[in-house]
Amino acid sequence: MVAASFDDAEACSTALARGVTWDPDAPVLLRHHLRLPADRIEQVLAIAAQDGYSPAIGGEDLLYLQREQLLDALHCAQERARMASLAQRHDGDALGWEALQPAPPPGDNPIAPAH
């Protein structure tokens, strides 16, 4: 995981700025965590699939929706708002999001000081 936020008040730009290993030029797997009534999950899946989202394993009343995309603060905020609206329209809550990228190759340490 290269960035995440589960705080509604936190700006996506702030969460992404904390992601020291996040590469903005490489796609991420953006995963949203939603809590929904069980009888609404199929409807939400059908709507989210229209935007390229697929489900990931969740819990009893949790649904994880994910898709691969390039990510910046604007698109992150747009997708977070889209998921919050989708969840709310189906009596649920958007709990947060996380962005995943493969680990950098060995020897490519973005935190290491330049020589």
PDB file of N, CA and C in Angstrom:
ATOM      1  N   MET A   1       0.849  -1.165   0.000  1.00  0.00           N
ATOM      2  CA  MET A   1       0.000   0.000   0.000  1.00  0.00           C
ATOM      3  C   MET A   1       0.901   1.237   0.000  1.00  0.00           C
ATOM      4  N   VAL A   2       0.606   2.153  -0.925  1.00  0.00           N
ATOM      5  CA  VAL A   2       1.428   3.359  -1.026  1.00  0.00           C
ATOM      6  C   VAL A   2       0.735   4.600  -0.492  1.00  0.00           C
ATOM      7  N   ALA A   3      -0.585   4.542  -0.336  1.00  0.00           N
ATOM      8  CA  ALA A   3      -1.336   5.664   0.234  1.00  0.00           C
ATOM      9  C   ALA A   3      -2.703   5.151   0.661  1.00  0.00           C
ATOM     10  N   ALA A   4      -3.290   5.833   1.635  1.00  0.00           N
ATOM     11  CA  ALA A   4      -4.624   5.450   2.105  1.00  0.00           C
ATOM     12  C   ALA A   4      -5.195   6.575   2.932  1.00  0.00           C
ATOM     13  N   SER A   5      -6.519   6.585   3.016  1.00  0.00           N
ATOM     14  CA  SER A   5      -7.191   7.516   3.915  1.00  0.00           C
ATOM     15  C   SER A   5      -8.528   6.927   4.321  1.00  0.00           C
ATOM     16  N   PHE A   6      -8.777   6.963   5.625  1.00  0.00           N
ATOM     17  CA  PHE A   6     -10.055   6.528   6.181  1.00  0.00           C
ATOM     18  C   PHE A   6     -10.647   7.650   7.032  1.00  0.00           C
ATOM     19  N   ASP A   7     -10.267   8.881   6.700  1.00  0.00           N
ATOM     20  CA  ASP A   7     -10.718  10.079   7.403  1.00  0.00           C
ATOM     21  C   ASP A   7     -11.435  10.971   6.391  1.00  0.00           C
ATOM     22  N   ASP A   8     -12.737  11.150   6.561  1.00  0.00           N
ATOM     23  CA  ASP A   8     -13.525  11.952   5.618  1.00  0.00           C
ATOM     24  C   ASP A   8     -13.013  13.374   5.489  1.00  0.00           C
ATOM     25  N   ALA A   9     -12.424  13.906   6.533  1.00  0.00           N
ATOM     26  CA  ALA A   9     -11.976  15.297   6.524  1.00  0.00           C
ATOM     27  C   ALA A   9     -10.609  15.478   5.872  1.00  0.00           C
ATOM     28  N   GLU A  10      -9.887  14.391   5.645  1.00  0.00           N
ATOM     29  CA  GLU A  10      -8.540  14.495   5.077  1.00  0.00           C
ATOM     30  C   GLU A  10      -8.590  14.641   3.563  1.00  0.00           C
ATOM     31  N   ALA A  11      -7.860  15.599   3.046  1.00  0.00           N
ATOM     32  CA  ALA A  11      -7.767  15.791   1.601  1.00  0.00           C
ATOM     33  C   ALA A  11      -6.952  14.659   0.972  1.00  0.00           C
ATOM     34  N   CYS A  12      -7.337  14.270  -0.226  1.00  0.00           N
ATOM     35  CA  CYS A  12      -6.582  13.229  -0.933  1.00  0.00           C
ATOM     36  C   CYS A  12      -5.136  13.664  -1.147  1.00  0.00           C
ATOM     37  N   SER A  13      -4.925  14.945  -1.399  1.00  0.00           N
ATOM     38  CA  SER A  13      -3.560  15.429  -1.610  1.00  0.00           C
ATOM     39  C   SER A  13      -2.699  15.183  -0.377  1.00  0.00           C
ATOM     40  N   THR A  14      -3.274  15.323   0.799  1.00  0.00           N
ATOM     41  CA  THR A  14      -2.536  15.083   2.036  1.00  0.00           C
ATOM     42  C   THR A  14      -2.183  13.602   2.166  1.00  0.00           C
ATOM     43  N   ALA A  15      -3.142  12.739   1.898  1.00  0.00           N
ATOM     44  CA  ALA A  15      -2.887  11.296   1.985  1.00  0.00           C
ATOM     45  C   ALA A  15      -1.846  10.869   0.963  1.00  0.00           C
ATOM     46  N   LEU A  16      -1.939  11.387  -0.247  1.00  0.00           N
ATOM     47  CA  LEU A  16      -0.963  11.020  -1.275  1.00  0.00           C
ATOM     48  C   LEU A  16       0.428  11.561  -0.942  1.00  0.00           C
ATOM     49  N   ALA A  17       0.495  12.725  -0.319  1.00  0.00           N
ATOM     50  CA  ALA A  17       1.795  13.297   0.061  1.00  0.00           C
ATOM     51  C   ALA A  17       2.504  12.431   1.094  1.00  0.00           C
ATOM     52  N   ARG A  18       1.743  11.711   1.910  1.00  0.00           N
ATOM     53  CA  ARG A  18       2.353  10.801   2.889  1.00  0.00           C
ATOM     54  C   ARG A  18       2.934   9.561   2.222  1.00  0.00           C
ATOM     55  N   GLY A  19       2.507   9.268   1.014  1.00  0.00           N
ATOM     56  CA  GLY A  19       2.940   8.045   0.334  1.00  0.00           C
ATOM     57  C   GLY A  19       4.328   8.184  -0.265  1.00  0.00           C
ATOM     58  N   VAL A  20       5.338   7.941   0.531  1.00  0.00           N
ATOM     59  CA  VAL A  20       6.720   8.158   0.076  1.00  0.00           C
ATOM     60  C   VAL A  20       7.139   7.198  -1.037  1.00  0.00           C
ATOM     61  N   THR A  21       6.490   6.048  -1.157  1.00  0.00           N
ATOM     62  CA  THR A  21       6.856   5.115  -2.228  1.00  0.00           C
ATOM     63  C   THR A  21       5.890   5.193  -3.404  1.00  0.00           C
ATOM     64  N   TRP A  22       4.895   6.073  -3.344  1.00  0.00           N
ATOM     65  CA  TRP A  22       3.920   6.223  -4.429  1.00  0.00           C
ATOM     66  C   TRP A  22       4.600   6.823  -5.647  1.00  0.00           C
ATOM     67  N   ASP A  23       4.422   6.183  -6.793  1.00  0.00           N
ATOM     68  CA  ASP A  23       4.944   6.680  -8.065  1.00  0.00           C
ATOM     69  C   ASP A  23       3.765   7.230  -8.863  1.00  0.00           C
ATOM     70  N   PRO A  24       3.623   8.549  -8.977  1.00  0.00           N
ATOM     71  CA  PRO A  24       2.461   9.117  -9.655  1.00  0.00           C
ATOM     72  C   PRO A  24       2.415   8.816 -11.160  1.00  0.00           C
ATOM     73  N   ASP A  25       3.526   8.341 -11.716  1.00  0.00           N
ATOM     74  CA  ASP A  25       3.563   8.026 -13.146  1.00  0.00           C
ATOM     75  C   ASP A  25       3.203   6.577 -13.446  1.00  0.00           C
ATOM     76  N   ALA A  26       2.969   5.793 -12.412  1.00  0.00           N
ATOM     77  CA  ALA A  26       2.624   4.374 -12.591  1.00  0.00           C
ATOM     78  C   ALA A  26       1.197   4.142 -12.101  1.00  0.00           C
ATOM     79  N   PRO A  27       0.479   3.237 -12.737  1.00  0.00           N
ATOM     80  CA  PRO A  27      -0.888   2.956 -12.285  1.00  0.00           C
ATOM     81  C   PRO A  27      -0.912   2.390 -10.870  1.00  0.00           C
ATOM     82  N   VAL A  28      -1.998   2.643 -10.188  1.00  0.00           N
ATOM     83  CA  VAL A  28      -2.245   2.062  -8.865  1.00  0.00           C
ATOM     84  C   VAL A  28      -3.501   1.211  -8.952  1.00  0.00           C
ATOM     85  N   LEU A  29      -3.644   0.325  -8.000  1.00  0.00           N
ATOM     86  CA  LEU A  29      -4.909  -0.359  -7.785  1.00  0.00           C
ATOM     87  C   LEU A  29      -5.601   0.449  -6.703  1.00  0.00           C
ATOM     88  N   LEU A  30      -6.632   1.199  -7.080  1.00  0.00           N
ATOM     89  CA  LEU A  30      -7.367   2.033  -6.143  1.00  0.00           C
ATOM     90  C   LEU A  30      -8.512   1.199  -5.583  1.00  0.00           C
ATOM     91  N   ARG A  31      -8.504   0.989  -4.281  1.00  0.00           N
ATOM     92  CA  ARG A  31      -9.493   0.131  -3.620  1.00  0.00           C
ATOM     93  C   ARG A  31     -10.293   0.954  -2.610  1.00  0.00           C
ATOM     94  N   HIS A  32     -11.611   0.951  -2.780  1.00  0.00           N
ATOM     95  CA  HIS A  32     -12.525   1.641  -1.877  1.00  0.00           C
ATOM     96  C   HIS A  32     -13.175   0.632  -0.948  1.00  0.00           C
ATOM     97  N   HIS A  33     -13.324   1.014   0.312  1.00  0.00           N
ATOM     98  CA  HIS A  33     -13.948   0.164   1.336  1.00  0.00           C
ATOM     99  C   HIS A  33     -15.342   0.714   1.614  1.00  0.00           C
ATOM    100  N   LEU A  34     -16.356  -0.093   1.352  1.00  0.00           N
ATOM    101  CA  LEU A  34     -17.739   0.322   1.561  1.00  0.00           C
ATOM    102  C   LEU A  34     -18.422  -0.615   2.550  1.00  0.00           C
ATOM    103  N   ARG A  35     -19.254  -0.062   3.397  1.00  0.00           N
ATOM    104  CA  ARG A  35     -20.118  -0.870   4.266  1.00  0.00           C
ATOM    105  C   ARG A  35     -21.534  -0.706   3.745  1.00  0.00           C
ATOM    106  N   LEU A  36     -22.157  -1.844   3.391  1.00  0.00           N
ATOM    107  CA  LEU A  36     -23.484  -1.822   2.769  1.00  0.00           C
ATOM    108  C   LEU A  36     -24.373  -2.904   3.352  1.00  0.00           C
ATOM    109  N   PRO A  37     -25.683  -2.668   3.332  1.00  0.00           N
ATOM    110  CA  PRO A  37     -26.593  -3.764   3.672  1.00  0.00           C
ATOM    111  C   PRO A  37     -26.425  -4.886   2.639  1.00  0.00           C
ATOM    112  N   ALA A  38     -26.505  -6.108   3.097  1.00  0.00           N
ATOM    113  CA  ALA A  38     -26.276  -7.260   2.217  1.00  0.00           C
ATOM    114  C   ALA A  38     -27.195  -7.256   1.006  1.00  0.00           C
ATOM    115  N   ASP A  39     -28.431  -6.788   1.172  1.00  0.00           N
ATOM    116  CA  ASP A  39     -29.379  -6.821   0.058  1.00  0.00           C
ATOM    117  C   ASP A  39     -29.129  -5.723  -0.978  1.00  0.00           C
ATOM    118  N   ARG A  40     -28.150  -4.869  -0.755  1.00  0.00           N
ATOM    119  CA  ARG A  40     -27.823  -3.801  -1.704  1.00  0.00           C
ATOM    120  C   ARG A  40     -26.531  -4.054  -2.472  1.00  0.00           C
ATOM    121  N   ILE A  41     -25.780  -5.054  -2.076  1.00  0.00           N
ATOM    122  CA  ILE A  41     -24.455  -5.274  -2.663  1.00  0.00           C
ATOM    123  C   ILE A  41     -24.529  -5.548  -4.160  1.00  0.00           C
ATOM    124  N   GLU A  42     -25.463  -6.382  -4.606  1.00  0.00           N
ATOM    125  CA  GLU A  42     -25.560  -6.704  -6.038  1.00  0.00           C
ATOM    126  C   GLU A  42     -25.846  -5.455  -6.874  1.00  0.00           C
ATOM    127  N   GLN A  43     -26.717  -4.572  -6.379  1.00  0.00           N
ATOM    128  CA  GLN A  43     -27.018  -3.336  -7.098  1.00  0.00           C
ATOM    129  C   GLN A  43     -25.770  -2.466  -7.209  1.00  0.00           C
ATOM    130  N   VAL A  44     -25.045  -2.341  -6.114  1.00  0.00           N
ATOM    131  CA  VAL A  44     -23.839  -1.514  -6.104  1.00  0.00           C
ATOM    132  C   VAL A  44     -22.786  -2.105  -7.041  1.00  0.00           C
ATOM    133  N   LEU A  45     -22.642  -3.420  -7.037  1.00  0.00           N
ATOM    134  CA  LEU A  45     -21.679  -4.063  -7.945  1.00  0.00           C
ATOM    135  C   LEU A  45     -22.011  -3.764  -9.400  1.00  0.00           C
ATOM    136  N   ALA A  46     -23.279  -3.830  -9.753  1.00  0.00           N
ATOM    137  CA  ALA A  46     -23.687  -3.580 -11.140  1.00  0.00           C
ATOM    138  C   ALA A  46     -23.383  -2.146 -11.556  1.00  0.00           C
ATOM    139  N   ILE A  47     -23.643  -1.201 -10.673  1.00  0.00           N
ATOM    140  CA  ILE A  47     -23.374   0.203 -10.986  1.00  0.00           C
ATOM    141  C   ILE A  47     -21.871   0.454 -11.080  1.00  0.00           C
ATOM    142  N   ALA A  48     -21.113  -0.050 -10.130  1.00  0.00           N
ATOM    143  CA  ALA A  48     -19.663   0.174 -10.113  1.00  0.00           C
ATOM    144  C   ALA A  48     -18.983  -0.482 -11.314  1.00  0.00           C
ATOM    145  N   ALA A  49     -19.502  -1.607 -11.766  1.00  0.00           N
ATOM    146  CA  ALA A  49     -18.909  -2.295 -12.921  1.00  0.00           C
ATOM    147  C   ALA A  49     -18.968  -1.421 -14.173  1.00  0.00           C
ATOM    148  N   GLN A  50     -19.952  -0.554 -14.270  1.00  0.00           N
ATOM    149  CA  GLN A  50     -20.060   0.340 -15.420  1.00  0.00           C
ATOM    150  C   GLN A  50     -18.877   1.298 -15.502  1.00  0.00           C
ATOM    151  N   ASP A  51     -18.239   1.554 -14.370  1.00  0.00           N
ATOM    152  CA  ASP A  51     -17.061   2.431 -14.325  1.00  0.00           C
ATOM    153  C   ASP A  51     -15.760   1.654 -14.219  1.00  0.00           C
ATOM    154  N   GLY A  52     -15.819   0.348 -14.470  1.00  0.00           N
ATOM    155  CA  GLY A  52     -14.606  -0.452 -14.481  1.00  0.00           C
ATOM    156  C   GLY A  52     -14.174  -0.995 -13.138  1.00  0.00           C
ATOM    157  N   TYR A  53     -15.006  -0.877 -12.117  1.00  0.00           N
ATOM    158  CA  TYR A  53     -14.664  -1.404 -10.801  1.00  0.00           C
ATOM    159  C   TYR A  53     -15.036  -2.869 -10.701  1.00  0.00           C
ATOM    160  N   SER A  54     -14.207  -3.618 -10.019  1.00  0.00           N
ATOM    161  CA  SER A  54     -14.496  -5.022  -9.742  1.00  0.00           C
ATOM    162  C   SER A  54     -14.435  -5.238  -8.233  1.00  0.00           C
ATOM    163  N   PRO A  55     -15.145  -6.259  -7.750  1.00  0.00           N
ATOM    164  CA  PRO A  55     -15.146  -6.498  -6.306  1.00  0.00           C
ATOM    165  C   PRO A  55     -13.897  -7.239  -5.865  1.00  0.00           C
ATOM    166  N   ALA A  56     -13.512  -7.005  -4.645  1.00  0.00           N
ATOM    167  CA  ALA A  56     -12.455  -7.776  -3.984  1.00  0.00           C
ATOM    168  C   ALA A  56     -13.092  -8.382  -2.734  1.00  0.00           C
ATOM    169  N   ILE A  57     -12.420  -9.316  -2.141  1.00  0.00           N
ATOM    170  CA  ILE A  57     -12.971 -10.001  -0.970  1.00  0.00           C
ATOM    171  C   ILE A  57     -13.177  -9.012   0.163  1.00  0.00           C
ATOM    172  N   GLY A  58     -14.364  -9.041   0.721  1.00  0.00           N
ATOM    173  CA  GLY A  58     -14.702  -8.174   1.844  1.00  0.00           C
ATOM    174  C   GLY A  58     -15.206  -9.020   2.995  1.00  0.00           C
ATOM    175  N   GLY A  59     -15.801  -8.384   3.950  1.00  0.00           N
ATOM    176  CA  GLY A  59     -16.368  -9.091   5.092  1.00  0.00           C
ATOM    177  C   GLY A  59     -17.862  -9.272   4.913  1.00  0.00           C
ATOM    178  N   GLU A  60     -18.532  -9.526   6.011  1.00  0.00           N
ATOM    179  CA  GLU A  60     -19.971  -9.798   5.977  1.00  0.00           C
ATOM    180  C   GLU A  60     -20.767  -8.645   5.368  1.00  0.00           C
ATOM    181  N   ASP A  61     -20.522  -7.429   5.813  1.00  0.00           N
ATOM    182  CA  ASP A  61     -21.229  -6.285   5.252  1.00  0.00           C
ATOM    183  C   ASP A  61     -20.265  -5.305   4.587  1.00  0.00           C
ATOM    184  N   LEU A  62     -19.056  -5.774   4.295  1.00  0.00           N
ATOM    185  CA  LEU A  62     -18.052  -4.932   3.643  1.00  0.00           C
ATOM    186  C   LEU A  62     -17.907  -5.321   2.182  1.00  0.00           C
ATOM    187  N   LEU A  63     -17.757  -4.314   1.350  1.00  0.00           N
ATOM    188  CA  LEU A  63     -17.504  -4.522  -0.063  1.00  0.00           C
ATOM    189  C   LEU A  63     -16.287  -3.694  -0.424  1.00  0.00           C
ATOM    190  N   TYR A  64     -15.346  -4.311  -1.076  1.00  0.00           N
ATOM    191  CA  TYR A  64     -14.179  -3.601  -1.587  1.00  0.00           C
ATOM    192  C   TYR A  64     -14.341  -3.510  -3.092  1.00  0.00           C
ATOM    193  N   LEU A  65     -14.311  -2.298  -3.618  1.00  0.00           N
ATOM    194  CA  LEU A  65     -14.374  -2.072  -5.056  1.00  0.00           C
ATOM    195  C   LEU A  65     -13.036  -1.531  -5.503  1.00  0.00           C
ATOM    196  N   GLN A  66     -12.512  -2.073  -6.580  1.00  0.00           N
ATOM    197  CA  GLN A  66     -11.170  -1.681  -7.004  1.00  0.00           C
ATOM    198  C   GLN A  66     -11.075  -1.601  -8.516  1.00  0.00           C
ATOM    199  N   ARG A  67     -10.146  -0.755  -8.954  1.00  0.00           N
ATOM    200  CA  ARG A  67      -9.798  -0.689 -10.371  1.00  0.00           C
ATOM    201  C   ARG A  67      -8.399  -0.108 -10.490  1.00  0.00           C
ATOM    202  N   GLU A  68      -7.774  -0.391 -11.605  1.00  0.00           N
ATOM    203  CA  GLU A  68      -6.436   0.128 -11.869  1.00  0.00           C
ATOM    204  C   GLU A  68      -6.569   1.443 -12.622  1.00  0.00           C
ATOM    205  N   GLN A  69      -5.775   2.426 -12.192  1.00  0.00           N
ATOM    206  CA  GLN A  69      -5.798   3.731 -12.847  1.00  0.00           C
ATOM    207  C   GLN A  69      -4.576   4.539 -12.445  1.00  0.00           C
ATOM    208  N   LEU A  70      -4.285   5.564 -13.223  1.00  0.00           N
ATOM    209  CA  LEU A  70      -3.307   6.553 -12.785  1.00  0.00           C
ATOM    210  C   LEU A  70      -3.996   7.396 -11.728  1.00  0.00           C
ATOM    211  N   LEU A  71      -3.242   7.824 -10.745  1.00  0.00           N
ATOM    212  CA  LEU A  71      -3.853   8.511  -9.618  1.00  0.00           C
ATOM    213  C   LEU A  71      -3.158   9.827  -9.329  1.00  0.00           C
ATOM    214  N   ASP A  72      -3.966  10.848  -9.154  1.00  0.00           N
ATOM    215  CA  ASP A  72      -3.497  12.126  -8.639  1.00  0.00           C
ATOM    216  C   ASP A  72      -4.564  12.614  -7.660  1.00  0.00           C
ATOM    217  N   ALA A  73      -4.303  13.716  -7.001  1.00  0.00           N
ATOM    218  CA  ALA A  73      -5.211  14.178  -5.957  1.00  0.00           C
ATOM    219  C   ALA A  73      -6.609  14.471  -6.501  1.00  0.00           C
ATOM    220  N   LEU A  74      -6.696  15.067  -7.684  1.00  0.00           N
ATOM    221  CA  LEU A  74      -8.008  15.397  -8.250  1.00  0.00           C
ATOM    222  C   LEU A  74      -8.821  14.139  -8.530  1.00  0.00           C
ATOM    223  N   HIS A  75      -8.214  13.161  -9.210  1.00  0.00           N
ATOM    224  CA  HIS A  75      -8.944  11.939  -9.543  1.00  0.00           C
ATOM    225  C   HIS A  75      -9.263  11.118  -8.304  1.00  0.00           C
ATOM    226  N   CYS A  76      -8.379  11.149  -7.345  1.00  0.00           N
ATOM    227  CA  CYS A  76      -8.643  10.462  -6.078  1.00  0.00           C
ATOM    228  C   CYS A  76      -9.864  11.065  -5.396  1.00  0.00           C
ATOM    229  N   ALA A  77      -9.924  12.388  -5.334  1.00  0.00           N
ATOM    230  CA  ALA A  77     -11.054  13.064  -4.697  1.00  0.00           C
ATOM    231  C   ALA A  77     -12.358  12.792  -5.455  1.00  0.00           C
ATOM    232  N   GLN A  78     -12.283  12.787  -6.777  1.00  0.00           N
ATOM    233  CA  GLN A  78     -13.479  12.506  -7.577  1.00  0.00           C
ATOM    234  C   GLN A  78     -13.998  11.091  -7.310  1.00  0.00           C
ATOM    235  N   GLU A  79     -13.089  10.126  -7.284  1.00  0.00           N
ATOM    236  CA  GLU A  79     -13.499   8.741  -7.064  1.00  0.00           C
ATOM    237  C   GLU A  79     -13.994   8.533  -5.636  1.00  0.00           C
ATOM    238  N   ARG A  80     -13.372   9.183  -4.685  1.00  0.00           N
ATOM    239  CA  ARG A  80     -13.831   9.081  -3.302  1.00  0.00           C
ATOM    240  C   ARG A  80     -15.249   9.636  -3.180  1.00  0.00           C
ATOM    241  N   ALA A  81     -15.529  10.764  -3.821  1.00  0.00           N
ATOM    242  CA  ALA A  81     -16.869  11.347  -3.794  1.00  0.00           C
ATOM    243  C   ALA A  81     -17.871  10.449  -4.509  1.00  0.00           C
ATOM    244  N   ARG A  82     -17.452   9.855  -5.611  1.00  0.00           N
ATOM    245  CA  ARG A  82     -18.333   8.946  -6.349  1.00  0.00           C
ATOM    246  C   ARG A  82     -18.717   7.754  -5.482  1.00  0.00           C
ATOM    247  N   MET A  83     -17.750   7.185  -4.769  1.00  0.00           N
ATOM    248  CA  MET A  83     -18.026   6.029  -3.921  1.00  0.00           C
ATOM    249  C   MET A  83     -18.879   6.409  -2.714  1.00  0.00           C
ATOM    250  N   ALA A  84     -18.640   7.587  -2.151  1.00  0.00           N
ATOM    251  CA  ALA A  84     -19.458   8.042  -1.023  1.00  0.00           C
ATOM    252  C   ALA A  84     -20.912   8.206  -1.461  1.00  0.00           C
ATOM    253  N   SER A  85     -21.117   8.770  -2.630  1.00  0.00           N
ATOM    254  CA  SER A  85     -22.464   8.958  -3.148  1.00  0.00           C
ATOM    255  C   SER A  85     -23.128   7.615  -3.444  1.00  0.00           C
ATOM    256  N   LEU A  86     -22.399   6.713  -4.073  1.00  0.00           N
ATOM    257  CA  LEU A  86     -22.932   5.387  -4.382  1.00  0.00           C
ATOM    258  C   LEU A  86     -23.340   4.651  -3.112  1.00  0.00           C
ATOM    259  N   ALA A  87     -22.484   4.681  -2.124  1.00  0.00           N
ATOM    260  CA  ALA A  87     -22.790   4.002  -0.866  1.00  0.00           C
ATOM    261  C   ALA A  87     -24.000   4.639  -0.190  1.00  0.00           C
ATOM    262  N   GLN A  88     -24.034   5.958  -0.142  1.00  0.00           N
ATOM    263  CA  GLN A  88     -25.132   6.657   0.526  1.00  0.00           C
ATOM    264  C   GLN A  88     -26.471   6.371  -0.148  1.00  0.00           C
ATOM    265  N   ARG A  89     -26.486   6.322  -1.471  1.00  0.00           N
ATOM    266  CA  ARG A  89     -27.739   6.040  -2.192  1.00  0.00           C
ATOM    267  C   ARG A  89     -28.258   4.629  -1.926  1.00  0.00           C
ATOM    268  N   HIS A  90     -27.382   3.764  -1.400  1.00  0.00           N
ATOM    269  CA  HIS A  90     -27.774   2.380  -1.118  1.00  0.00           C
ATOM    270  C   HIS A  90     -27.689   2.075   0.375  1.00  0.00           C
ATOM    271  N   ASP A  91     -27.942   3.104   1.191  1.00  0.00           N
ATOM    272  CA  ASP A  91     -28.008   2.972   2.659  1.00  0.00           C
ATOM    273  C   ASP A  91     -26.715   2.456   3.276  1.00  0.00           C
ATOM    274  N   GLY A  92     -25.591   2.872   2.700  1.00  0.00           N
ATOM    275  CA  GLY A  92     -24.301   2.425   3.214  1.00  0.00           C
ATOM    276  C   GLY A  92     -23.363   3.588   3.487  1.00  0.00           C
ATOM    277  N   ASP A  93     -22.116   3.248   3.737  1.00  0.00           N
ATOM    278  CA  ASP A  93     -21.075   4.231   4.024  1.00  0.00           C
ATOM    279  C   ASP A  93     -19.808   3.878   3.258  1.00  0.00           C
ATOM    280  N   ALA A  94     -19.131   4.913   2.787  1.00  0.00           N
ATOM    281  CA  ALA A  94     -17.785   4.747   2.236  1.00  0.00           C
ATOM    282  C   ALA A  94     -16.817   4.956   3.392  1.00  0.00           C
ATOM    283  N   LEU A  95     -16.075   3.931   3.742  1.00  0.00           N
ATOM    284  CA  LEU A  95     -15.204   3.984   4.916  1.00  0.00           C
ATOM    285  C   LEU A  95     -13.841   4.594   4.621  1.00  0.00           C
ATOM    286  N   GLY A  96     -13.367   4.431   3.392  1.00  0.00           N
ATOM    287  CA  GLY A  96     -12.058   4.957   3.029  1.00  0.00           C
ATOM    288  C   GLY A  96     -11.549   4.305   1.755  1.00  0.00           C
ATOM    289  N   TRP A  97     -10.287   4.586   1.446  1.00  0.00           N
ATOM    290  CA  TRP A  97      -9.677   4.060   0.231  1.00  0.00           C
ATOM    291  C   TRP A  97      -8.203   3.772   0.492  1.00  0.00           C
ATOM    292  N   GLU A  98      -7.644   2.951  -0.378  1.00  0.00           N
ATOM    293  CA  GLU A  98      -6.202   2.694  -0.352  1.00  0.00           C
ATOM    294  C   GLU A  98      -5.706   2.538  -1.782  1.00  0.00           C
ATOM    295  N   ALA A  99      -4.477   2.915  -2.000  1.00  0.00           N
ATOM    296  CA  ALA A  99      -3.835   2.791  -3.302  1.00  0.00           C
ATOM    297  C   ALA A  99      -2.675   1.817  -3.165  1.00  0.00           C
ATOM    298  N   LEU A 100      -2.629   0.851  -4.066  1.00  0.00           N
ATOM    299  CA  LEU A 100      -1.587  -0.169  -4.023  1.00  0.00           C
ATOM    300  C   LEU A 100      -0.779  -0.131  -5.315  1.00  0.00           C
ATOM    301  N   GLN A 101       0.528  -0.280  -5.185  1.00  0.00           N
ATOM    302  CA  GLN A 101       1.444  -0.393  -6.314  1.00  0.00           C
ATOM    303  C   GLN A 101       2.467  -1.457  -5.972  1.00  0.00           C
ATOM    304  N   PRO A 102       3.053  -2.063  -6.997  1.00  0.00           N
ATOM    305  CA  PRO A 102       4.130  -3.006  -6.703  1.00  0.00           C
ATOM    306  C   PRO A 102       5.281  -2.299  -6.004  1.00  0.00           C
ATOM    307  N   ALA A 103       5.999  -3.044  -5.204  1.00  0.00           N
ATOM    308  CA  ALA A 103       7.169  -2.484  -4.512  1.00  0.00           C
ATOM    309  C   ALA A 103       8.210  -2.064  -5.550  1.00  0.00           C
ATOM    310  N   PRO A 104       8.974  -1.009  -5.251  1.00  0.00           N
ATOM    311  CA  PRO A 104      10.035  -0.610  -6.177  1.00  0.00           C
ATOM    312  C   PRO A 104      11.081  -1.719  -6.290  1.00  0.00           C
ATOM    313  N   PRO A 105      11.772  -1.798  -7.425  1.00  0.00           N
ATOM    314  CA  PRO A 105      12.803  -2.822  -7.595  1.00  0.00           C
ATOM    315  C   PRO A 105      13.886  -2.686  -6.528  1.00  0.00           C
ATOM    316  N   PRO A 106      14.547  -3.802  -6.172  1.00  0.00           N
ATOM    317  CA  PRO A 106      15.642  -3.731  -5.193  1.00  0.00           C
ATOM    318  C   PRO A 106      16.693  -2.699  -5.623  1.00  0.00           C
ATOM    319  N   GLY A 107      17.147  -1.943  -4.670  1.00  0.00           N
ATOM    320  CA  GLY A 107      18.164  -0.936  -4.961  1.00  0.00           C
ATOM    321  C   GLY A 107      17.575   0.395  -5.398  1.00  0.00           C
ATOM    322  N   ASP A 108      16.271   0.436  -5.624  1.00  0.00           N
ATOM    323  CA  ASP A 108      15.600   1.680  -6.026  1.00  0.00           C
ATOM    324  C   ASP A 108      14.842   2.218  -4.825  1.00  0.00           C
ATOM    325  N   ASN A 109      15.573   2.799  -3.874  1.00  0.00           N
ATOM    326  CA  ASN A 109      14.995   3.279  -2.619  1.00  0.00           C
ATOM    327  C   ASN A 109      14.695   4.766  -2.740  1.00  0.00           C
ATOM    328  N   PRO A 110      13.405   5.151  -2.828  1.00  0.00           N
ATOM    329  CA  PRO A 110      13.087   6.573  -2.980  1.00  0.00           C
ATOM    330  C   PRO A 110      13.387   7.402  -1.740  1.00  0.00           C
ATOM    331  N   ILE A 111      13.644   6.748  -0.611  1.00  0.00           N
ATOM    332  CA  ILE A 111      13.917   7.485   0.622  1.00  0.00           C
ATOM    333  C   ILE A 111      15.413   7.723   0.811  1.00  0.00           C
ATOM    334  N   ALA A 112      16.228   6.920   0.155  1.00  0.00           N
ATOM    335  CA  ALA A 112      17.672   7.027   0.327  1.00  0.00           C
ATOM    336  C   ALA A 112      18.178   8.385  -0.177  1.00  0.00           C
ATOM    337  N   PRO A 113      19.123   8.981   0.538  1.00  0.00           N
ATOM    338  CA  PRO A 113      19.661  10.275   0.102  1.00  0.00           C
ATOM    339  C   PRO A 113      20.482  10.126  -1.177  1.00  0.00           C
ATOM    340  N   ALA A 114      20.460  11.169  -1.992  1.00  0.00           N
ATOM    341  CA  ALA A 114      21.268  11.175  -3.226  1.00  0.00           C
ATOM    342  C   ALA A 114      22.733  11.340  -2.846  1.00  0.00           C
ATOM    343  N   HIS A 115      23.588  10.743  -3.649  1.00  0.00           N
ATOM    344  CA  HIS A 115      25.037  10.854  -3.401  1.00  0.00           C
ATOM    345  C   HIS A 115      25.640  11.959  -4.195  1.00  0.00           C
TER     346      HIS A 115
END
